[in-house]
Amino acid sequence: MLDAEAAGRAIVADGLAAAVNILPGAVSLYRWQGEIERAEEAVMFLKTRADLAEPVAQAVRARHPYETPAILILPVDGGDPAYLDWIDAATDE
């Protein structure tokens, strides 16, 4: 959890994301190198602009302890205009 918080704080401080939500206590079951693995993890949602998706993904990879972190880029199909404007303003240098 502290790793996720440090990564999220750095990414927001760098202006790459307007906000980060961290959900602790996730239990992940996954196949890795032929074995079923179990890990307790934190899930992070990073709110940013579409054009910053790849720089955010690079920042997460640089700070993540896993060889292959689960990074998904999901399109936003609407939302509160004021909130979307805030994301744009918070990530605009």
PDB file of N, CA and C in Angstrom:
ATOM      1  N   MET A   1       0.819  -1.194   0.000  1.00  0.00           N
ATOM      2  CA  MET A   1       0.000   0.000   0.000  1.00  0.00           C
ATOM      3  C   MET A   1       0.862   1.258   0.000  1.00  0.00           C
ATOM      4  N   LEU A   2       1.927   1.249   0.782  1.00  0.00           N
ATOM      5  CA  LEU A   2       2.798   2.424   0.822  1.00  0.00           C
ATOM      6  C   LEU A   2       3.481   2.648  -0.515  1.00  0.00           C
ATOM      7  N   ASP A   3       3.839   1.570  -1.226  1.00  0.00           N
ATOM      8  CA  ASP A   3       4.427   1.710  -2.556  1.00  0.00           C
ATOM      9  C   ASP A   3       3.437   2.366  -3.502  1.00  0.00           C
ATOM     10  N   ALA A   4       2.180   1.937  -3.450  1.00  0.00           N
ATOM     11  CA  ALA A   4       1.149   2.511  -4.316  1.00  0.00           C
ATOM     12  C   ALA A   4       0.940   3.982  -3.987  1.00  0.00           C
ATOM     13  N   GLU A   5       0.922   4.312  -2.710  1.00  0.00           N
ATOM     14  CA  GLU A   5       0.726   5.702  -2.325  1.00  0.00           C
ATOM     15  C   GLU A   5       1.900   6.573  -2.769  1.00  0.00           C
ATOM     16  N   ALA A   6       3.115   6.084  -2.608  1.00  0.00           N
ATOM     17  CA  ALA A   6       4.289   6.848  -3.046  1.00  0.00           C
ATOM     18  C   ALA A   6       4.272   7.041  -4.556  1.00  0.00           C
ATOM     19  N   ALA A   7       3.932   6.000  -5.296  1.00  0.00           N
ATOM     20  CA  ALA A   7       3.864   6.105  -6.755  1.00  0.00           C
ATOM     21  C   ALA A   7       2.771   7.082  -7.166  1.00  0.00           C
ATOM     22  N   GLY A   8       1.602   6.950  -6.564  1.00  0.00           N
ATOM     23  CA  GLY A   8       0.500   7.850  -6.899  1.00  0.00           C
ATOM     24  C   GLY A   8       0.821   9.294  -6.589  1.00  0.00           C
ATOM     25  N   ARG A   9       1.423   9.534  -5.435  1.00  0.00           N
ATOM     26  CA  ARG A   9       1.793  10.907  -5.059  1.00  0.00           C
ATOM     27  C   ARG A   9       2.789  11.491  -6.063  1.00  0.00           C
ATOM     28  N   ALA A  10       3.779  10.713  -6.471  1.00  0.00           N
ATOM     29  CA  ALA A  10       4.780  11.195  -7.422  1.00  0.00           C
ATOM     30  C   ALA A  10       4.150  11.493  -8.784  1.00  0.00           C
ATOM     31  N   ILE A  11       3.248  10.640  -9.224  1.00  0.00           N
ATOM     32  CA  ILE A  11       2.615  10.832 -10.531  1.00  0.00           C
ATOM     33  C   ILE A  11       1.732  12.078 -10.527  1.00  0.00           C
ATOM     34  N   VAL A  12       1.011  12.319  -9.438  1.00  0.00           N
ATOM     35  CA  VAL A  12       0.216  13.543  -9.330  1.00  0.00           C
ATOM     36  C   VAL A  12       1.141  14.757  -9.235  1.00  0.00           C
ATOM     37  N   ALA A  13       2.196  14.655  -8.433  1.00  0.00           N
ATOM     38  CA  ALA A  13       3.137  15.773  -8.281  1.00  0.00           C
ATOM     39  C   ALA A  13       3.799  16.134  -9.612  1.00  0.00           C
ATOM     40  N   ASP A  14       4.022  15.134 -10.452  1.00  0.00           N
ATOM     41  CA  ASP A  14       4.630  15.381 -11.760  1.00  0.00           C
ATOM     42  C   ASP A  14       3.640  15.926 -12.783  1.00  0.00           C
ATOM     43  N   GLY A  15       2.371  16.066 -12.399  1.00  0.00           N
ATOM     44  CA  GLY A  15       1.365  16.606 -13.296  1.00  0.00           C
ATOM     45  C   GLY A  15       0.859  15.617 -14.337  1.00  0.00           C
ATOM     46  N   LEU A  16       1.163  14.339 -14.150  1.00  0.00           N
ATOM     47  CA  LEU A  16       0.725  13.333 -15.118  1.00  0.00           C
ATOM     48  C   LEU A  16      -0.712  12.882 -14.878  1.00  0.00           C
ATOM     49  N   ALA A  17      -1.184  12.981 -13.649  1.00  0.00           N
ATOM     50  CA  ALA A  17      -2.557  12.609 -13.319  1.00  0.00           C
ATOM     51  C   ALA A  17      -3.136  13.664 -12.392  1.00  0.00           C
ATOM     52  N   ALA A  18      -4.434  13.882 -12.516  1.00  0.00           N
ATOM     53  CA  ALA A  18      -5.108  14.844 -11.648  1.00  0.00           C
ATOM     54  C   ALA A  18      -5.411  14.230 -10.291  1.00  0.00           C
ATOM     55  N   ALA A  19      -5.664  12.923 -10.277  1.00  0.00           N
ATOM     56  CA  ALA A  19      -6.023  12.236  -9.039  1.00  0.00           C
ATOM     57  C   ALA A  19      -5.689  10.761  -9.152  1.00  0.00           C
ATOM     58  N   VAL A  20      -5.454  10.161  -8.005  1.00  0.00           N
ATOM     59  CA  VAL A  20      -5.219   8.721  -7.919  1.00  0.00           C
ATOM     60  C   VAL A  20      -6.082   8.185  -6.789  1.00  0.00           C
ATOM     61  N   ASN A  21      -6.815   7.119  -7.074  1.00  0.00           N
ATOM     62  CA  ASN A  21      -7.561   6.403  -6.040  1.00  0.00           C
ATOM     63  C   ASN A  21      -6.865   5.075  -5.815  1.00  0.00           C
ATOM     64  N   ILE A  22      -6.634   4.735  -4.553  1.00  0.00           N
ATOM     65  CA  ILE A  22      -5.966   3.484  -4.202  1.00  0.00           C
ATOM     66  C   ILE A  22      -6.936   2.650  -3.367  1.00  0.00           C
ATOM     67  N   LEU A  23      -7.202   1.449  -3.855  1.00  0.00           N
ATOM     68  CA  LEU A  23      -8.088   0.522  -3.160  1.00  0.00           C
ATOM     69  C   LEU A  23      -7.231  -0.596  -2.593  1.00  0.00           C
ATOM     70  N   PRO A  24      -6.977  -0.592  -1.283  1.00  0.00           N
ATOM     71  CA  PRO A  24      -6.131  -1.633  -0.689  1.00  0.00           C
ATOM     72  C   PRO A  24      -6.906  -2.936  -0.507  1.00  0.00           C
ATOM     73  N   GLY A  25      -6.174  -3.994  -0.238  1.00  0.00           N
ATOM     74  CA  GLY A  25      -6.789  -5.255   0.146  1.00  0.00           C
ATOM     75  C   GLY A  25      -7.302  -6.113  -0.988  1.00  0.00           C
ATOM     76  N   ALA A  26      -6.901  -5.844  -2.212  1.00  0.00           N
ATOM     77  CA  ALA A  26      -7.317  -6.689  -3.328  1.00  0.00           C
ATOM     78  C   ALA A  26      -6.554  -8.010  -3.264  1.00  0.00           C
ATOM     79  N   VAL A  27      -7.247  -9.095  -3.498  1.00  0.00           N
ATOM     80  CA  VAL A  27      -6.606 -10.402  -3.603  1.00  0.00           C
ATOM     81  C   VAL A  27      -6.613 -10.771  -5.077  1.00  0.00           C
ATOM     82  N   SER A  28      -5.437 -11.011  -5.626  1.00  0.00           N
ATOM     83  CA  SER A  28      -5.310 -11.369  -7.032  1.00  0.00           C
ATOM     84  C   SER A  28      -4.876 -12.822  -7.167  1.00  0.00           C
ATOM     85  N   LEU A  29      -5.548 -13.525  -8.047  1.00  0.00           N
ATOM     86  CA  LEU A  29      -5.176 -14.886  -8.421  1.00  0.00           C
ATOM     87  C   LEU A  29      -4.871 -14.839  -9.911  1.00  0.00           C
ATOM     88  N   TYR A  30      -3.697 -15.326 -10.291  1.00  0.00           N
ATOM     89  CA  TYR A  30      -3.291 -15.211 -11.685  1.00  0.00           C
ATOM     90  C   TYR A  30      -2.277 -16.291 -12.031  1.00  0.00           C
ATOM     91  N   ARG A  31      -2.172 -16.549 -13.325  1.00  0.00           N
ATOM     92  CA  ARG A  31      -1.185 -17.511 -13.797  1.00  0.00           C
ATOM     93  C   ARG A  31       0.085 -16.743 -14.166  1.00  0.00           C
ATOM     94  N   TRP A  32       1.211 -17.195 -13.623  1.00  0.00           N
ATOM     95  CA  TRP A  32       2.496 -16.568 -13.911  1.00  0.00           C
ATOM     96  C   TRP A  32       3.545 -17.667 -14.031  1.00  0.00           C
ATOM     97  N   GLN A  33       4.192 -17.711 -15.160  1.00  0.00           N
ATOM     98  CA  GLN A  33       5.250 -18.681 -15.441  1.00  0.00           C
ATOM     99  C   GLN A  33       4.784 -20.116 -15.150  1.00  0.00           C
ATOM    100  N   GLY A  34       3.542 -20.417 -15.593  1.00  0.00           N
ATOM    101  CA  GLY A  34       3.002 -21.764 -15.479  1.00  0.00           C
ATOM    102  C   GLY A  34       2.400 -22.130 -14.141  1.00  0.00           C
ATOM    103  N   GLU A  35       2.413 -21.230 -13.191  1.00  0.00           N
ATOM    104  CA  GLU A  35       1.887 -21.510 -11.852  1.00  0.00           C
ATOM    105  C   GLU A  35       0.728 -20.565 -11.544  1.00  0.00           C
ATOM    106  N   ILE A  36      -0.198 -21.033 -10.711  1.00  0.00           N
ATOM    107  CA  ILE A  36      -1.257 -20.161 -10.207  1.00  0.00           C
ATOM    108  C   ILE A  36      -0.703 -19.448  -8.973  1.00  0.00           C
ATOM    109  N   GLU A  37      -0.710 -18.159  -9.013  1.00  0.00           N
ATOM    110  CA  GLU A  37      -0.170 -17.330  -7.934  1.00  0.00           C
ATOM    111  C   GLU A  37      -1.296 -16.604  -7.207  1.00  0.00           C
ATOM    112  N   ARG A  38      -1.026 -16.237  -5.972  1.00  0.00           N
ATOM    113  CA  ARG A  38      -1.937 -15.416  -5.174  1.00  0.00           C
ATOM    114  C   ARG A  38      -1.130 -14.270  -4.595  1.00  0.00           C
ATOM    115  N   ALA A  39      -1.697 -13.072  -4.670  1.00  0.00           N
ATOM    116  CA  ALA A  39      -1.017 -11.910  -4.102  1.00  0.00           C
ATOM    117  C   ALA A  39      -2.048 -10.958  -3.515  1.00  0.00           C
ATOM    118  N   GLU A  40      -1.671 -10.301  -2.438  1.00  0.00           N
ATOM    119  CA  GLU A  40      -2.479  -9.218  -1.890  1.00  0.00           C
ATOM    120  C   GLU A  40      -1.914  -7.937  -2.473  1.00  0.00           C
ATOM    121  N   GLU A  41      -2.780  -7.176  -3.099  1.00  0.00           N
ATOM    122  CA  GLU A  41      -2.336  -6.014  -3.858  1.00  0.00           C
ATOM    123  C   GLU A  41      -3.229  -4.813  -3.562  1.00  0.00           C
ATOM    124  N   ALA A  42      -2.803  -3.673  -4.025  1.00  0.00           N
ATOM    125  CA  ALA A  42      -3.628  -2.469  -4.050  1.00  0.00           C
ATOM    126  C   ALA A  42      -3.942  -2.168  -5.511  1.00  0.00           C
ATOM    127  N   VAL A  43      -5.142  -1.695  -5.751  1.00  0.00           N
ATOM    128  CA  VAL A  43      -5.559  -1.308  -7.097  1.00  0.00           C
ATOM    129  C   VAL A  43      -5.534   0.212  -7.176  1.00  0.00           C
ATOM    130  N   MET A  44      -4.925   0.738  -8.237  1.00  0.00           N
ATOM    131  CA  MET A  44      -4.856   2.188  -8.422  1.00  0.00           C
ATOM    132  C   MET A  44      -5.634   2.591  -9.661  1.00  0.00           C
ATOM    133  N   PHE A  45      -6.440   3.629  -9.516  1.00  0.00           N
ATOM    134  CA  PHE A  45      -7.101   4.269 -10.648  1.00  0.00           C
ATOM    135  C   PHE A  45      -6.476   5.650 -10.778  1.00  0.00           C
ATOM    136  N   LEU A  46      -5.950   5.953 -11.949  1.00  0.00           N
ATOM    137  CA  LEU A  46      -5.314   7.241 -12.181  1.00  0.00           C
ATOM    138  C   LEU A  46      -6.150   8.014 -13.189  1.00  0.00           C
ATOM    139  N   LYS A  47      -6.544   9.225 -12.835  1.00  0.00           N
ATOM    140  CA  LYS A  47      -7.370  10.048 -13.714  1.00  0.00           C
ATOM    141  C   LYS A  47      -6.475  11.036 -14.438  1.00  0.00           C
ATOM    142  N   THR A  48      -6.476  10.926 -15.774  1.00  0.00           N
ATOM    143  CA  THR A  48      -5.612  11.768 -16.583  1.00  0.00           C
ATOM    144  C   THR A  48      -6.232  11.979 -17.957  1.00  0.00           C
ATOM    145  N   ARG A  49      -5.545  12.723 -18.792  1.00  0.00           N
ATOM    146  CA  ARG A  49      -5.983  12.941 -20.180  1.00  0.00           C
ATOM    147  C   ARG A  49      -5.513  11.787 -21.048  1.00  0.00           C
ATOM    148  N   ALA A  50      -6.215  11.545 -22.145  1.00  0.00           N
ATOM    149  CA  ALA A  50      -5.862  10.457 -23.057  1.00  0.00           C
ATOM    150  C   ALA A  50      -4.443  10.606 -23.598  1.00  0.00           C
ATOM    151  N   ASP A  51      -4.025  11.839 -23.871  1.00  0.00           N
ATOM    152  CA  ASP A  51      -2.688  12.030 -24.436  1.00  0.00           C
ATOM    153  C   ASP A  51      -1.568  11.792 -23.418  1.00  0.00           C
ATOM    154  N   LEU A  52      -1.918  11.652 -22.148  1.00  0.00           N
ATOM    155  CA  LEU A  52      -0.912  11.359 -21.114  1.00  0.00           C
ATOM    156  C   LEU A  52      -0.917   9.884 -20.708  1.00  0.00           C
ATOM    157  N   ALA A  53      -1.740   9.077 -21.355  1.00  0.00           N
ATOM    158  CA  ALA A  53      -1.865   7.672 -20.957  1.00  0.00           C
ATOM    159  C   ALA A  53      -0.526   6.939 -21.012  1.00  0.00           C
ATOM    160  N   GLU A  54       0.216   7.089 -22.079  1.00  0.00           N
ATOM    161  CA  GLU A  54       1.489   6.367 -22.181  1.00  0.00           C
ATOM    162  C   GLU A  54       2.539   6.894 -21.191  1.00  0.00           C
ATOM    163  N   PRO A  55       2.698   8.220 -21.036  1.00  0.00           N
ATOM    164  CA  PRO A  55       3.623   8.676 -19.990  1.00  0.00           C
ATOM    165  C   PRO A  55       3.233   8.205 -18.586  1.00  0.00           C
ATOM    166  N   VAL A  56       1.931   8.130 -18.293  1.00  0.00           N
ATOM    167  CA  VAL A  56       1.487   7.613 -16.996  1.00  0.00           C
ATOM    168  C   VAL A  56       1.849   6.134 -16.878  1.00  0.00           C
ATOM    169  N   ALA A  57       1.602   5.366 -17.933  1.00  0.00           N
ATOM    170  CA  ALA A  57       1.949   3.943 -17.918  1.00  0.00           C
ATOM    171  C   ALA A  57       3.448   3.754 -17.689  1.00  0.00           C
ATOM    172  N   GLN A  58       4.266   4.577 -18.321  1.00  0.00           N
ATOM    173  CA  GLN A  58       5.719   4.491 -18.117  1.00  0.00           C
ATOM    174  C   GLN A  58       6.088   4.819 -16.675  1.00  0.00           C
ATOM    175  N   ALA A  59       5.435   5.824 -16.102  1.00  0.00           N
ATOM    176  CA  ALA A  59       5.714   6.205 -14.712  1.00  0.00           C
ATOM    177  C   ALA A  59       5.320   5.084 -13.754  1.00  0.00           C
ATOM    178  N   VAL A  60       4.209   4.417 -14.028  1.00  0.00           N
ATOM    179  CA  VAL A  60       3.790   3.292 -13.177  1.00  0.00           C
ATOM    180  C   VAL A  60       4.796   2.155 -13.304  1.00  0.00           C
ATOM    181  N   ARG A  61       5.176   1.806 -14.537  1.00  0.00           N
ATOM    182  CA  ARG A  61       6.158   0.724 -14.744  1.00  0.00           C
ATOM    183  C   ARG A  61       7.464   1.009 -14.002  1.00  0.00           C
ATOM    184  N   ALA A  62       7.899   2.247 -14.023  1.00  0.00           N
ATOM    185  CA  ALA A  62       9.168   2.616 -13.389  1.00  0.00           C
ATOM    186  C   ALA A  62       9.122   2.457 -11.870  1.00  0.00           C
ATOM    187  N   ARG A  63       7.919   2.537 -11.291  1.00  0.00           N
ATOM    188  CA  ARG A  63       7.788   2.494  -9.837  1.00  0.00           C
ATOM    189  C   ARG A  63       7.194   1.189  -9.320  1.00  0.00           C
ATOM    190  N   HIS A  64       6.820   0.286 -10.212  1.00  0.00           N
ATOM    191  CA  HIS A  64       6.104  -0.924  -9.811  1.00  0.00           C
ATOM    192  C   HIS A  64       7.077  -2.072  -9.564  1.00  0.00           C
ATOM    193  N   PRO A  65       6.866  -2.864  -8.510  1.00  0.00           N
ATOM    194  CA  PRO A  65       7.793  -3.962  -8.221  1.00  0.00           C
ATOM    195  C   PRO A  65       7.630  -5.172  -9.159  1.00  0.00           C
ATOM    196  N   TYR A  66       6.506  -5.297  -9.854  1.00  0.00           N
ATOM    197  CA  TYR A  66       6.284  -6.447 -10.726  1.00  0.00           C
ATOM    198  C   TYR A  66       6.988  -6.274 -12.071  1.00  0.00           C
ATOM    199  N   GLU A  67       7.408  -7.379 -12.637  1.00  0.00           N
ATOM    200  CA  GLU A  67       7.988  -7.379 -13.979  1.00  0.00           C
ATOM    201  C   GLU A  67       6.944  -6.949 -15.015  1.00  0.00           C
ATOM    202  N   THR A  68       5.703  -7.394 -14.814  1.00  0.00           N
ATOM    203  CA  THR A  68       4.614  -7.070 -15.726  1.00  0.00           C
ATOM    204  C   THR A  68       3.424  -6.553 -14.920  1.00  0.00           C
ATOM    205  N   PRO A  69       3.397  -5.249 -14.592  1.00  0.00           N
ATOM    206  CA  PRO A  69       2.253  -4.729 -13.840  1.00  0.00           C
ATOM    207  C   PRO A  69       0.999  -4.715 -14.710  1.00  0.00           C
ATOM    208  N   ALA A  70      -0.139  -4.811 -14.068  1.00  0.00           N
ATOM    209  CA  ALA A  70      -1.425  -4.771 -14.783  1.00  0.00           C
ATOM    210  C   ALA A  70      -1.768  -3.314 -15.061  1.00  0.00           C
ATOM    211  N   ILE A  71      -1.499  -2.874 -16.266  1.00  0.00           N
ATOM    212  CA  ILE A  71      -1.806  -1.511 -16.683  1.00  0.00           C
ATOM    213  C   ILE A  71      -2.841  -1.604 -17.795  1.00  0.00           C
ATOM    214  N   LEU A  72      -4.003  -1.036 -17.550  1.00  0.00           N
ATOM    215  CA  LEU A  72      -5.064  -0.979 -18.543  1.00  0.00           C
ATOM    216  C   LEU A  72      -5.421   0.478 -18.785  1.00  0.00           C
ATOM    217  N   ILE A  73      -5.564   0.847 -20.031  1.00  0.00           N
ATOM    218  CA  ILE A  73      -5.971   2.205 -20.384  1.00  0.00           C
ATOM    219  C   ILE A  73      -7.406   2.106 -20.884  1.00  0.00           C
ATOM    220  N   LEU A  74      -8.314   2.708 -20.145  1.00  0.00           N
ATOM    221  CA  LEU A  74      -9.734   2.621 -20.453  1.00  0.00           C
ATOM    222  C   LEU A  74     -10.232   3.962 -20.985  1.00  0.00           C
ATOM    223  N   PRO A  75     -10.959   3.951 -22.082  1.00  0.00           N
ATOM    224  CA  PRO A  75     -11.486   5.221 -22.609  1.00  0.00           C
ATOM    225  C   PRO A  75     -12.615   5.737 -21.723  1.00  0.00           C
ATOM    226  N   VAL A  76     -12.761   7.031 -21.677  1.00  0.00           N
ATOM    227  CA  VAL A  76     -13.851   7.665 -20.941  1.00  0.00           C
ATOM    228  C   VAL A  76     -14.898   8.080 -21.965  1.00  0.00           C
ATOM    229  N   ASP A  77     -16.094   7.596 -21.762  1.00  0.00           N
ATOM    230  CA  ASP A  77     -17.188   7.890 -22.676  1.00  0.00           C
ATOM    231  C   ASP A  77     -18.191   8.789 -21.965  1.00  0.00           C
ATOM    232  N   GLY A  78     -17.734   9.987 -21.632  1.00  0.00           N
ATOM    233  CA  GLY A  78     -18.591  10.936 -20.941  1.00  0.00           C
ATOM    234  C   GLY A  78     -18.196  11.117 -19.496  1.00  0.00           C
ATOM    235  N   GLY A  79     -18.961  11.930 -18.813  1.00  0.00           N
ATOM    236  CA  GLY A  79     -18.696  12.242 -17.418  1.00  0.00           C
ATOM    237  C   GLY A  79     -19.160  13.652 -17.121  1.00  0.00           C
ATOM    238  N   ASP A  80     -19.098  14.018 -15.869  1.00  0.00           N
ATOM    239  CA  ASP A  80     -19.473  15.373 -15.474  1.00  0.00           C
ATOM    240  C   ASP A  80     -18.512  16.357 -16.146  1.00  0.00           C
ATOM    241  N   PRO A  81     -19.023  17.286 -16.943  1.00  0.00           N
ATOM    242  CA  PRO A  81     -18.134  18.214 -17.653  1.00  0.00           C
ATOM    243  C   PRO A  81     -17.192  18.988 -16.733  1.00  0.00           C
ATOM    244  N   ALA A  82     -17.670  19.393 -15.573  1.00  0.00           N
ATOM    245  CA  ALA A  82     -16.814  20.137 -14.645  1.00  0.00           C
ATOM    246  C   ALA A  82     -15.670  19.265 -14.146  1.00  0.00           C
ATOM    247  N   TYR A  83     -15.940  17.992 -13.889  1.00  0.00           N
ATOM    248  CA  TYR A  83     -14.889  17.077 -13.435  1.00  0.00           C
ATOM    249  C   TYR A  83     -13.875  16.831 -14.543  1.00  0.00           C
ATOM    250  N   LEU A  84     -14.352  16.613 -15.755  1.00  0.00           N
ATOM    251  CA  LEU A  84     -13.440  16.406 -16.892  1.00  0.00           C
ATOM    252  C   LEU A  84     -12.594  17.649 -17.149  1.00  0.00           C
ATOM    253  N   ASP A  85     -13.202  18.837 -17.007  1.00  0.00           N
ATOM    254  CA  ASP A  85     -12.435  20.084 -17.149  1.00  0.00           C
ATOM    255  C   ASP A  85     -11.373  20.192 -16.065  1.00  0.00           C
ATOM    256  N   TRP A  86     -11.711  19.757 -14.836  1.00  0.00           N
ATOM    257  CA  TRP A  86     -10.735  19.800 -13.744  1.00  0.00           C
ATOM    258  C   TRP A  86      -9.550  18.884 -14.047  1.00  0.00           C
ATOM    259  N   ILE A  87      -9.811  17.676 -14.575  1.00  0.00           N
ATOM    260  CA  ILE A  87      -8.727  16.776 -14.944  1.00  0.00           C
ATOM    261  C   ILE A  87      -7.822  17.450 -15.977  1.00  0.00           C
ATOM    262  N   ASP A  88      -8.425  18.057 -16.986  1.00  0.00           N
ATOM    263  CA  ASP A  88      -7.627  18.757 -18.004  1.00  0.00           C
ATOM    264  C   ASP A  88      -6.778  19.856 -17.381  1.00  0.00           C
ATOM    265  N   ALA A  89      -7.401  20.667 -16.517  1.00  0.00           N
ATOM    266  CA  ALA A  89      -6.675  21.787 -15.891  1.00  0.00           C
ATOM    267  C   ALA A  89      -5.567  21.288 -14.959  1.00  0.00           C
ATOM    268  N   ALA A  90      -5.831  20.226 -14.205  1.00  0.00           N
ATOM    269  CA  ALA A  90      -4.851  19.721 -13.243  1.00  0.00           C
ATOM    270  C   ALA A  90      -3.663  19.057 -13.903  1.00  0.00           C
ATOM    271  N   THR A  91      -3.803  18.653 -15.154  1.00  0.00           N
ATOM    272  CA  THR A  91      -2.709  17.978 -15.853  1.00  0.00           C
ATOM    273  C   THR A  91      -2.123  18.852 -16.962  1.00  0.00           C
ATOM    274  N   ASP A  92      -2.531  20.105 -17.004  1.00  0.00           N
ATOM    275  CA  ASP A  92      -2.038  21.025 -18.025  1.00  0.00           C
ATOM    276  C   ASP A  92      -0.909  21.860 -17.455  1.00  0.00           C
ATOM    277  N   GLU A  93       0.255  21.718 -18.051  1.00  0.00           N
ATOM    278  CA  GLU A  93       1.407  22.481 -17.534  1.00  0.00           C
ATOM    279  C   GLU A  93       1.464  23.778 -18.186  1.00  0.00           C
TER     280      GLU A  93
END
